[in-house]
Amino acid sequence: MVSPQSTSSTEAITEVRRQQALLKTGALQNAILTSANFSIIATDEKGIVQLFNVGAERMLGYSAAEVVNKLTPSDLHDPEEVRARAQSLSMELATPISPGFEALAFKASRGIEDSYDLTYICKDGSRFPAVVSITALRDDYDDIIGYLLIGADNSVRKQVEAELNNAKAAAEKANLAKSDFLSNMSHELRSPLNAILGFAQLMESDLTPQTDTQKESTGQILQAGWYLLDLINEILDLALVESGKLMLSLEPMSLDEVMLDCQTMMVLQAQKFGISLKVTPLAQASYVRADRTRVKQILLNLLTNAIKYNRTGGSVAVECTVRSAERIRISVRDTGEGLSAEKLAQLFQPFNRLGQQAGGEEGTGIGLVMTKRLIELMGGVIGVESTVGVGSVFWIELDAAQPPRLITSEGDIKGATPVPMATAYSRISPSPARRKSPASRAIPLEKSSSVPQTPGKSIR
């Protein structure tokens, strides 16, 4: 049996603990309300301010006596911004919302968590951006008895954002200026080189026999000229993409046809390096929605890299697979050295050849960057899987398309047989003895006449 004295002692201890908890809670609440780092404003259900803490006084310059029972929180904000918020919420929620406190509390009154960025106007007329969180206060019957607004000065964050945006805008402006300059200089850069190459070809084909020294010199002029022209073309293509001036002709195109064209163009280069090249199209004709010329350019670039950075006696396999009803993937698999995780992370950086510049193979480090940009412009994706010592697989995915169809003069719709696109431009071809095979070039030498060109840019 518990004695009355023992029960009385237990109750006394419990009461002491309760009082201590109340004191602690009161101290915590007082510390929050007197915080100078946040403005805490409480209103009644109509929005009239009932509590205006020390932080609000410090931020806004008003004393509590000047605000309590006199103003609403909307009176402390920029009226134009409050009006704009009311209009925005009216459109978002499809209901008319009046400018004023309703525009601030509308979401909170309906149990929607809400915070907003608006400008506070201080007593002295100064202004500062603030982020404010608003919550509805409810009684035991779930009726709204007021609102609690907790705000913080957002000036530092806004200043940092503005500085970042300015820096980004300046960088984009500089990059655009560079791209515009390069794209507009296409004629000036190409014309002298075309003249040099044309004159060297005339020398090479002259009826008067050349000495061995003259033949060697002419060959060096042509080799260096073609390489430099390719470099200029690649840089200008990249500049066109970055400046947003590159135009594509997206239409249903035959993947099988382009893959076989690329195989024909690259087989000689593969044989030169002792590489076996195998192209495996789908069992049925496959079509994608893309720019035929650019898809061919992409595949040639991937094949060139797969052959150039392969091992002697290695292999390159091109495969086409259906990933889904909407996507078709083309994979280029090689048996080269493979790429480490560190090199994979740097793979699509402009002018980064991943250390290959120390070798004897020519290159600019632009091809893969251009390939990625072109694929993305056509709504596709590019990826790579690589194992050091085994090889790499570069793949691209494009949107599948239905075969193109023709409407005959009688009005019948028939499947159209794809016709190779006509070459819109061809330059003077060097003789086979002095010119590397077109198969060794990552950028094709033709463009479809259906591809709009930027004025001043020659079609190569």
Protein backbone atom coordinates (compact mmCIF):
# COMPACT_ATOMS: atom_id res chain seq x y z
CA MET A 1 0.00 0.00 0.00
CA VAL A 2 1.35 3.43 -1.05
CA SER A 3 1.39 5.97 1.71
CA PRO A 4 -0.24 9.41 1.26
CA GLN A 5 3.13 10.99 1.96
CA SER A 6 4.75 9.07 -0.94
CA THR A 7 1.93 10.08 -3.35
CA SER A 8 2.26 13.71 -2.33
CA SER A 9 6.03 13.63 -3.01
CA THR A 10 5.52 12.13 -6.49
CA GLU A 11 2.94 14.79 -7.38
CA ALA A 12 5.28 17.51 -6.15
CA ILE A 13 8.12 16.21 -8.31
CA THR A 14 5.81 15.99 -11.36
CA GLU A 15 4.62 19.57 -10.82
CA VAL A 16 8.19 20.84 -10.52
CA ARG A 17 9.11 19.12 -13.78
CA ARG A 18 6.00 20.57 -15.48
CA GLN A 19 6.88 24.05 -14.31
CA GLN A 20 10.45 23.61 -15.56
CA ALA A 21 9.16 22.45 -18.95
CA LEU A 22 6.84 25.46 -19.14
CA LEU A 23 9.68 27.81 -18.26
CA LYS A 24 11.89 26.19 -20.89
CA THR A 25 9.12 26.43 -23.49
CA GLY A 26 8.44 30.02 -22.56
CA ALA A 27 12.14 30.88 -22.81
CA LEU A 28 12.31 29.22 -26.21
CA GLN A 29 9.26 31.08 -27.46
CA ASN A 30 10.62 34.34 -26.10
CA ALA A 31 13.98 33.73 -27.80
CA ILE A 32 12.20 33.12 -31.10
CA LEU A 33 10.00 36.19 -30.82
CA THR A 34 12.89 38.45 -29.83
CA SER A 35 15.20 37.14 -32.58
CA ALA A 36 16.70 40.01 -34.54
CA ASN A 37 17.53 37.84 -37.57
CA PHE A 38 13.95 37.10 -38.66
CA SER A 39 10.84 39.21 -38.89
CA ILE A 40 7.91 37.50 -37.19
CA ILE A 41 4.50 39.03 -37.81
CA ALA A 42 1.23 37.54 -36.55
CA THR A 43 -2.19 38.77 -37.66
CA ASP A 44 -5.81 38.12 -36.83
CA GLU A 45 -8.10 36.31 -39.26
CA LYS A 46 -8.67 39.58 -41.20
CA GLY A 47 -4.95 40.21 -41.64
CA ILE A 48 -4.54 43.04 -39.12
CA VAL A 49 -1.13 42.84 -37.42
CA GLN A 50 -1.30 41.66 -33.79
CA LEU A 51 2.37 40.86 -33.17
CA PHE A 52 5.45 42.61 -34.56
CA ASN A 53 8.68 41.20 -33.16
CA VAL A 54 12.11 42.78 -32.61
CA GLY A 55 13.42 41.39 -35.88
CA ALA A 56 10.57 43.02 -37.81
CA GLU A 57 11.25 46.31 -36.02
CA ARG A 58 14.95 46.13 -36.90
CA MET A 59 14.36 45.22 -40.53
CA LEU A 60 11.53 47.62 -41.32
CA GLY A 61 12.24 50.54 -38.99
CA TYR A 62 8.72 50.61 -37.50
CA SER A 63 8.01 50.18 -33.81
CA ALA A 64 5.40 47.59 -32.85
CA ALA A 65 3.09 50.36 -31.62
CA GLU A 66 3.08 51.93 -35.12
CA VAL A 67 1.94 48.69 -36.76
CA VAL A 68 -0.12 46.57 -34.35
CA ASN A 69 -3.90 46.96 -34.92
CA LYS A 70 -3.18 49.48 -37.70
CA LEU A 71 -1.56 47.80 -40.74
CA THR A 72 -1.69 44.57 -42.65
CA PRO A 73 1.47 42.83 -43.95
CA SER A 74 0.53 43.80 -47.51
CA ASP A 75 0.90 47.46 -46.48
CA LEU A 76 4.59 46.78 -45.88
CA HIS A 77 5.24 45.38 -49.38
CA ASP A 78 5.64 47.03 -52.77
CA PRO A 79 2.01 47.51 -53.95
CA GLU A 80 2.91 46.79 -57.57
CA GLU A 81 4.41 43.45 -56.59
CA VAL A 82 1.37 42.59 -54.47
CA ARG A 83 -0.88 43.43 -57.42
CA ALA A 84 1.25 41.28 -59.73
CA ARG A 85 1.07 38.38 -57.26
CA ALA A 86 -2.71 38.68 -57.14
CA GLN A 87 -2.92 38.50 -60.92
CA SER A 88 -0.51 35.55 -61.09
CA LEU A 89 -2.42 33.58 -58.44
CA SER A 90 -5.74 34.38 -60.12
CA MET A 91 -4.44 32.79 -63.33
CA GLU A 92 -2.78 29.85 -61.53
CA LEU A 93 -5.82 28.97 -59.40
CA ALA A 94 -8.50 30.09 -61.89
CA THR A 95 -10.28 32.27 -59.33
CA PRO A 96 -10.29 36.06 -58.81
CA ILE A 97 -7.99 37.19 -55.99
CA SER A 98 -7.95 40.78 -54.79
CA PRO A 99 -4.71 42.74 -54.37
CA GLY A 100 -3.89 43.20 -50.71
CA PHE A 101 -3.60 40.75 -47.84
CA GLU A 102 -5.74 38.17 -49.67
CA ALA A 103 -2.99 37.87 -52.30
CA LEU A 104 -0.52 36.97 -49.54
CA ALA A 105 -2.71 34.61 -47.51
CA PHE A 106 -4.91 32.94 -50.15
CA LYS A 107 -2.92 29.69 -50.42
CA ALA A 108 -2.25 29.45 -46.68
CA SER A 109 -5.97 29.90 -45.94
CA ARG A 110 -6.63 26.77 -48.01
CA GLY A 111 -3.96 24.68 -46.29
CA ILE A 112 -1.40 25.06 -49.08
CA GLU A 113 2.18 25.53 -47.94
CA ASP A 114 3.31 28.88 -49.28
CA SER A 115 6.27 31.23 -49.35
CA TYR A 116 6.92 34.17 -51.61
CA ASP A 117 9.62 36.63 -52.66
CA LEU A 118 8.49 40.25 -52.41
CA THR A 119 10.09 43.58 -51.64
CA TYR A 120 9.66 45.10 -48.19
CA ILE A 121 9.42 48.89 -47.97
CA CYS A 122 10.89 50.30 -44.76
CA LYS A 123 9.61 53.29 -42.77
CA ASP A 124 12.38 55.49 -44.22
CA GLY A 125 11.43 54.47 -47.80
CA SER A 126 14.35 52.13 -48.35
CA ARG A 127 13.65 48.74 -49.88
CA PHE A 128 15.04 45.23 -49.66
CA PRO A 129 14.05 41.83 -51.10
CA ALA A 130 12.64 39.35 -48.60
CA VAL A 131 11.51 35.75 -48.62
CA VAL A 132 8.42 35.24 -46.46
CA SER A 133 6.77 32.03 -45.32
CA ILE A 134 3.10 32.30 -44.34
CA THR A 135 1.03 29.81 -42.32
CA ALA A 136 -2.59 29.86 -41.22
CA LEU A 137 -3.18 29.61 -37.44
CA ARG A 138 -6.21 27.51 -36.45
CA ASP A 139 -8.10 26.81 -33.23
CA ASP A 140 -9.27 23.46 -31.87
CA TYR A 141 -12.21 23.51 -34.28
CA ASP A 142 -9.91 24.03 -37.29
CA ASP A 143 -11.17 27.57 -37.79
CA ILE A 144 -8.63 30.19 -38.88
CA ILE A 145 -7.85 32.62 -36.08
CA GLY A 146 -4.92 34.36 -37.75
CA TYR A 147 -1.76 34.07 -39.83
CA LEU A 148 1.94 33.81 -39.01
CA LEU A 149 4.48 35.38 -41.40
CA ILE A 150 8.19 34.70 -40.93
CA GLY A 151 10.51 36.69 -43.19
CA ALA A 152 14.23 36.96 -43.86
CA ASP A 153 16.32 39.54 -45.68
CA ASN A 154 17.09 38.10 -49.12
CA SER A 155 19.48 40.84 -50.24
CA VAL A 156 22.68 38.78 -50.09
CA ARG A 157 21.24 35.88 -52.07
CA LYS A 158 19.75 38.25 -54.65
CA GLN A 159 23.07 40.05 -54.98
CA VAL A 160 24.94 36.78 -55.49
CA GLU A 161 22.34 35.64 -58.04
CA ALA A 162 22.62 38.94 -59.89
CA GLU A 163 26.41 38.67 -59.99
CA LEU A 164 26.22 35.09 -61.25
CA ASN A 165 23.66 36.05 -63.89
CA ASN A 166 25.80 38.97 -65.01
CA ALA A 167 28.87 36.76 -65.24
CA LYS A 168 26.92 34.14 -67.16
CA ALA A 169 25.50 36.75 -69.53
CA ALA A 170 28.98 38.17 -70.12
CA ALA A 171 30.38 34.70 -70.84
CA GLU A 172 27.51 33.88 -73.19
CA LYS A 173 27.94 37.21 -74.96
CA ALA A 174 31.66 36.60 -75.41
CA ASN A 175 31.05 33.06 -76.64
CA LEU A 176 28.38 34.25 -79.05
CA ALA A 177 30.69 36.98 -80.35
CA LYS A 178 33.38 34.34 -80.94
CA SER A 179 30.94 32.05 -82.73
CA ASP A 180 29.55 34.89 -84.84
CA PHE A 181 33.04 35.96 -85.79
CA LEU A 182 34.05 32.45 -86.86
CA SER A 183 30.87 31.76 -88.79
CA ASN A 184 31.03 35.13 -90.57
CA MET A 185 34.69 34.57 -91.45
CA SER A 186 33.97 31.36 -93.39
CA HIS A 187 34.45 32.92 -96.82
CA GLU A 188 37.59 34.81 -95.79
CA LEU A 189 39.15 31.69 -94.28
CA ARG A 190 38.20 29.25 -97.02
CA SER A 191 38.85 31.35 -100.13
CA PRO A 192 42.66 31.63 -99.80
CA LEU A 193 42.93 27.92 -99.01
CA ASN A 194 40.78 26.96 -101.98
CA ALA A 195 43.01 29.07 -104.19
CA ILE A 196 46.16 27.41 -102.80
CA LEU A 197 44.70 23.93 -103.22
CA GLY A 198 43.42 24.65 -106.69
CA PHE A 199 46.79 26.00 -107.82
CA ALA A 200 48.63 23.03 -106.29
CA GLN A 201 46.32 20.63 -108.11
CA LEU A 202 46.98 22.42 -111.37
CA MET A 203 50.71 22.07 -110.75
CA GLU A 204 50.24 18.38 -110.01
CA SER A 205 48.22 17.75 -113.18
CA ASP A 206 50.44 19.90 -115.41
CA LEU A 207 51.55 18.15 -118.62
CA THR A 208 55.13 19.19 -117.90
CA PRO A 209 56.66 16.40 -115.78
CA GLN A 210 57.72 17.37 -112.27
CA THR A 211 60.93 16.35 -110.65
CA ASP A 212 60.78 14.09 -107.61
CA THR A 213 61.46 17.07 -105.33
CA GLN A 214 58.69 19.08 -106.99
CA LYS A 215 56.25 16.16 -106.67
CA GLU A 216 57.07 15.80 -102.98
CA SER A 217 56.63 19.54 -102.36
CA THR A 218 53.32 19.64 -104.25
CA GLY A 219 52.09 16.63 -102.27
CA GLN A 220 53.01 18.32 -98.99
CA ILE A 221 51.13 21.48 -100.03
CA LEU A 222 48.02 19.44 -100.85
CA GLN A 223 48.17 17.31 -97.72
CA ALA A 224 48.64 20.31 -95.43
CA GLY A 225 46.00 22.31 -97.31
CA TRP A 226 43.33 19.62 -97.09
CA TYR A 227 44.07 19.10 -93.39
CA LEU A 228 43.87 22.82 -92.67
CA LEU A 229 40.64 23.15 -94.67
CA ASP A 230 39.13 20.28 -92.68
CA LEU A 231 40.18 21.96 -89.43
CA ILE A 232 38.56 25.24 -90.50
CA ASN A 233 35.40 23.43 -91.57
CA GLU A 234 35.12 21.66 -88.22
CA ILE A 235 35.66 24.86 -86.24
CA LEU A 236 33.13 26.73 -88.35
CA ASP A 237 30.58 23.93 -87.99
CA LEU A 238 30.99 24.06 -84.22
CA ALA A 239 30.69 27.85 -84.29
CA LEU A 240 27.46 27.60 -86.30
CA VAL A 241 25.97 25.20 -83.76
CA GLU A 242 26.99 27.37 -80.79
CA SER A 243 25.64 30.54 -82.41
CA GLY A 244 22.33 28.83 -83.22
CA LYS A 245 22.69 29.39 -86.97
CA LEU A 246 23.00 25.76 -88.06
CA MET A 247 19.80 24.66 -89.78
CA LEU A 248 18.81 21.02 -90.11
CA SER A 249 16.39 19.22 -92.41
CA LEU A 250 14.67 16.69 -90.15
CA GLU A 251 12.75 14.08 -92.14
CA PRO A 252 12.39 10.29 -92.33
CA MET A 253 15.67 8.84 -93.65
CA SER A 254 16.96 5.33 -94.28
CA LEU A 255 19.54 4.26 -91.71
CA ASP A 256 20.53 1.18 -93.74
CA GLU A 257 21.44 3.30 -96.74
CA VAL A 258 23.61 5.69 -94.73
CA MET A 259 25.34 2.85 -92.86
CA LEU A 260 26.25 1.11 -96.12
CA ASP A 261 27.44 4.42 -97.63
CA CYS A 262 29.72 4.92 -94.65
CA GLN A 263 31.03 1.38 -94.91
CA THR A 264 31.96 1.99 -98.56
CA MET A 265 33.72 5.24 -97.68
CA MET A 266 35.69 3.78 -94.74
CA VAL A 267 36.67 0.33 -96.02
CA LEU A 268 39.91 1.53 -97.65
CA GLN A 269 41.06 3.31 -94.51
CA ALA A 270 40.24 0.21 -92.44
CA GLN A 271 42.29 -1.95 -94.79
CA LYS A 272 45.16 0.53 -94.60
CA PHE A 273 45.32 0.06 -90.81
CA GLY A 274 44.69 -3.69 -90.99
CA ILE A 275 41.27 -3.33 -89.35
CA SER A 276 38.30 -5.51 -90.22
CA LEU A 277 35.10 -3.49 -90.66
CA LYS A 278 31.66 -5.09 -90.33
CA VAL A 279 28.34 -3.27 -90.66
CA THR A 280 25.15 -5.05 -89.56
CA PRO A 281 21.89 -3.21 -90.36
CA LEU A 282 18.54 -4.32 -88.99
CA ALA A 283 16.84 -7.27 -90.65
CA GLN A 284 14.07 -4.93 -91.79
CA ALA A 285 14.48 -1.48 -93.30
CA SER A 286 14.87 1.12 -90.54
CA TYR A 287 14.10 4.81 -90.65
CA VAL A 288 14.80 7.66 -88.24
CA ARG A 289 13.73 11.28 -88.18
CA ALA A 290 16.97 13.16 -88.71
CA ASP A 291 19.12 15.15 -91.12
CA ARG A 292 20.66 12.61 -93.48
CA THR A 293 23.83 14.59 -94.16
CA ARG A 294 24.50 15.14 -90.46
CA VAL A 295 23.83 11.51 -89.52
CA LYS A 296 26.36 10.50 -92.16
CA GLN A 297 28.84 13.03 -90.76
CA ILE A 298 28.34 11.61 -87.25
CA LEU A 299 28.83 7.99 -88.30
CA LEU A 300 31.92 8.84 -90.35
CA ASN A 301 33.45 10.60 -87.37
CA LEU A 302 32.77 7.67 -85.03
CA LEU A 303 34.14 5.20 -87.59
CA THR A 304 37.24 7.30 -88.21
CA ASN A 305 38.02 7.37 -84.49
CA ALA A 306 37.30 3.63 -84.10
CA ILE A 307 39.78 2.84 -86.89
CA LYS A 308 42.38 5.46 -86.06
CA TYR A 309 42.67 4.59 -82.37
CA ASN A 310 42.35 0.82 -82.80
CA ARG A 311 45.11 -1.75 -82.55
CA THR A 312 46.74 -3.35 -85.58
CA GLY A 313 44.67 -6.31 -86.69
CA GLY A 314 41.71 -5.16 -84.62
CA SER A 315 38.08 -4.89 -85.63
CA VAL A 316 35.26 -2.37 -85.85
CA ALA A 317 31.62 -3.46 -85.76
CA VAL A 318 28.64 -1.24 -86.51
CA GLU A 319 25.31 -2.54 -85.26
CA CYS A 320 21.76 -1.23 -85.39
CA THR A 321 19.25 -2.21 -82.70
CA VAL A 322 15.69 -1.22 -81.80
CA ARG A 323 15.67 0.11 -78.25
CA SER A 324 11.94 0.77 -78.13
CA ALA A 325 9.08 1.57 -80.47
CA GLU A 326 10.30 5.18 -80.50
CA ARG A 327 14.11 4.77 -80.51
CA ILE A 328 16.76 3.15 -82.70
CA ARG A 329 20.39 2.80 -81.57
CA ILE A 330 23.50 2.66 -83.77
CA SER A 331 26.60 1.33 -82.00
CA VAL A 332 30.22 1.53 -83.16
CA ARG A 333 32.36 -1.04 -81.32
CA ASP A 334 36.18 -1.11 -81.52
CA THR A 335 38.96 -3.23 -80.04
CA GLY A 336 41.28 -0.36 -79.12
CA GLU A 337 42.98 0.45 -75.83
CA GLY A 338 39.79 1.60 -74.15
CA LEU A 339 39.29 4.67 -71.99
CA SER A 340 39.73 5.09 -68.24
CA ALA A 341 37.03 6.71 -66.09
CA GLU A 342 39.14 9.88 -65.93
CA LYS A 343 39.34 10.14 -69.72
CA LEU A 344 35.65 9.37 -70.12
CA ALA A 345 34.85 12.37 -67.93
CA GLN A 346 36.82 14.62 -70.34
CA LEU A 347 35.58 13.00 -73.52
CA PHE A 348 33.29 15.70 -74.89
CA GLN A 349 35.47 18.72 -74.08
CA PRO A 350 36.42 20.85 -77.12
CA PHE A 351 40.04 20.48 -78.32
CA ASN A 352 40.79 17.82 -75.69
CA ARG A 353 42.39 14.84 -77.45
CA LEU A 354 42.93 12.92 -74.19
CA GLY A 355 46.71 12.79 -74.68
CA GLN A 356 46.54 11.44 -78.25
CA GLN A 357 48.28 14.57 -79.55
CA ALA A 358 51.55 12.96 -78.46
CA GLY A 359 50.99 10.20 -81.03
CA GLY A 360 51.31 10.37 -84.78
CA GLU A 361 47.60 10.54 -85.61
CA GLU A 362 46.18 13.85 -86.78
CA GLY A 363 43.17 15.29 -85.01
CA THR A 364 41.62 18.42 -83.55
CA GLY A 365 39.55 17.24 -80.58
CA ILE A 366 36.43 18.78 -82.13
CA GLY A 367 34.81 15.77 -83.80
CA LEU A 368 33.14 14.22 -80.75
CA VAL A 369 32.02 17.61 -79.45
CA MET A 370 30.40 18.35 -82.79
CA THR A 371 28.87 14.87 -82.88
CA LYS A 372 27.27 15.38 -79.46
CA ARG A 373 25.86 18.80 -80.41
CA LEU A 374 24.43 17.51 -83.70
CA ILE A 375 22.82 14.49 -82.07
CA GLU A 376 21.19 16.67 -79.42
CA LEU A 377 19.93 19.13 -82.07
CA MET A 378 18.19 16.20 -83.77
CA GLY A 379 16.56 15.12 -80.50
CA GLY A 380 18.90 12.18 -79.95
CA VAL A 381 21.46 11.14 -77.36
CA ILE A 382 25.03 9.85 -77.47
CA GLY A 383 26.81 7.61 -75.00
CA VAL A 384 29.95 5.54 -74.57
CA GLU A 385 30.95 2.38 -72.72
CA SER A 386 34.62 1.54 -72.45
CA THR A 387 36.89 -1.01 -70.80
CA VAL A 388 40.63 -0.42 -70.63
CA GLY A 389 42.45 -3.09 -72.61
CA VAL A 390 39.26 -4.33 -74.30
CA GLY A 391 37.86 -1.45 -76.34
CA SER A 392 35.02 1.05 -76.53
CA VAL A 393 31.44 1.23 -77.76
CA PHE A 394 30.16 4.62 -78.90
CA TRP A 395 26.41 4.70 -79.53
CA ILE A 396 23.82 7.18 -80.69
CA GLU A 397 20.04 6.98 -80.42
CA LEU A 398 17.55 8.73 -82.69
CA ASP A 399 13.77 8.86 -82.96
CA ALA A 400 12.33 6.10 -85.12
CA ALA A 401 10.20 7.16 -88.09
CA GLN A 402 7.83 5.63 -90.61
CA PRO A 403 9.13 5.16 -94.18
CA PRO A 404 8.47 8.19 -96.40
CA ARG A 405 5.41 7.82 -98.63
CA LEU A 406 4.60 9.35 -102.01
CA ILE A 407 1.27 10.56 -103.36
CA THR A 408 1.03 9.63 -107.04
CA SER A 409 -0.71 11.72 -109.68
CA GLU A 410 -3.73 9.42 -109.34
CA GLY A 411 -3.90 10.23 -105.62
CA ASP A 412 -2.64 6.82 -104.48
CA ILE A 413 -0.20 6.71 -101.56
CA LYS A 414 2.73 4.42 -102.09
CA GLY A 415 5.89 3.65 -100.18
CA ALA A 416 8.76 5.68 -101.54
CA THR A 417 12.08 4.11 -102.41
CA PRO A 418 14.78 6.26 -100.82
CA VAL A 419 16.90 8.04 -103.41
CA PRO A 420 20.46 9.10 -102.53
CA MET A 421 20.56 12.83 -101.92
CA ALA A 422 22.23 14.80 -104.67
CA THR A 423 25.57 16.35 -103.99
CA ALA A 424 25.13 20.09 -103.82
CA TYR A 425 28.78 20.93 -104.05
CA SER A 426 32.04 19.21 -104.87
CA ARG A 427 35.46 20.72 -104.84
CA ILE A 428 38.34 19.97 -107.20
CA SER A 429 39.47 16.45 -106.34
CA PRO A 430 43.16 15.74 -105.98
CA SER A 431 44.64 12.82 -107.75
CA PRO A 432 44.67 9.53 -105.82
CA ALA A 433 48.44 9.62 -105.69
CA ARG A 434 48.56 12.90 -103.76
CA ARG A 435 45.35 12.89 -101.78
CA LYS A 436 44.30 10.70 -98.90
CA SER A 437 41.18 8.68 -99.63
CA PRO A 438 37.88 10.38 -98.74
CA ALA A 439 37.45 7.45 -96.37
CA SER A 440 40.06 9.01 -94.11
CA ARG A 441 38.04 12.17 -93.63
CA ALA A 442 35.74 12.46 -90.61
CA ILE A 443 33.64 15.20 -92.25
CA PRO A 444 31.85 14.21 -95.49
CA LEU A 445 32.38 16.31 -98.59
CA GLU A 446 28.76 16.74 -99.56
CA LYS A 447 25.65 18.45 -98.26
CA SER A 448 22.07 17.90 -99.29
CA SER A 449 20.48 20.67 -101.24
CA SER A 450 17.58 20.41 -98.80
CA VAL A 451 19.73 21.66 -95.92
CA PRO A 452 19.38 25.47 -95.58
CA GLN A 453 22.72 27.16 -95.30
CA THR A 454 23.77 30.31 -93.50
CA PRO A 455 24.59 33.12 -95.99
CA GLY A 456 28.31 33.40 -96.54
CA LYS A 457 29.06 29.77 -95.56
CA SER A 458 30.23 27.52 -98.37
CA ILE A 459 28.72 24.07 -98.53
CA ARG A 460 31.39 21.47 -98.27
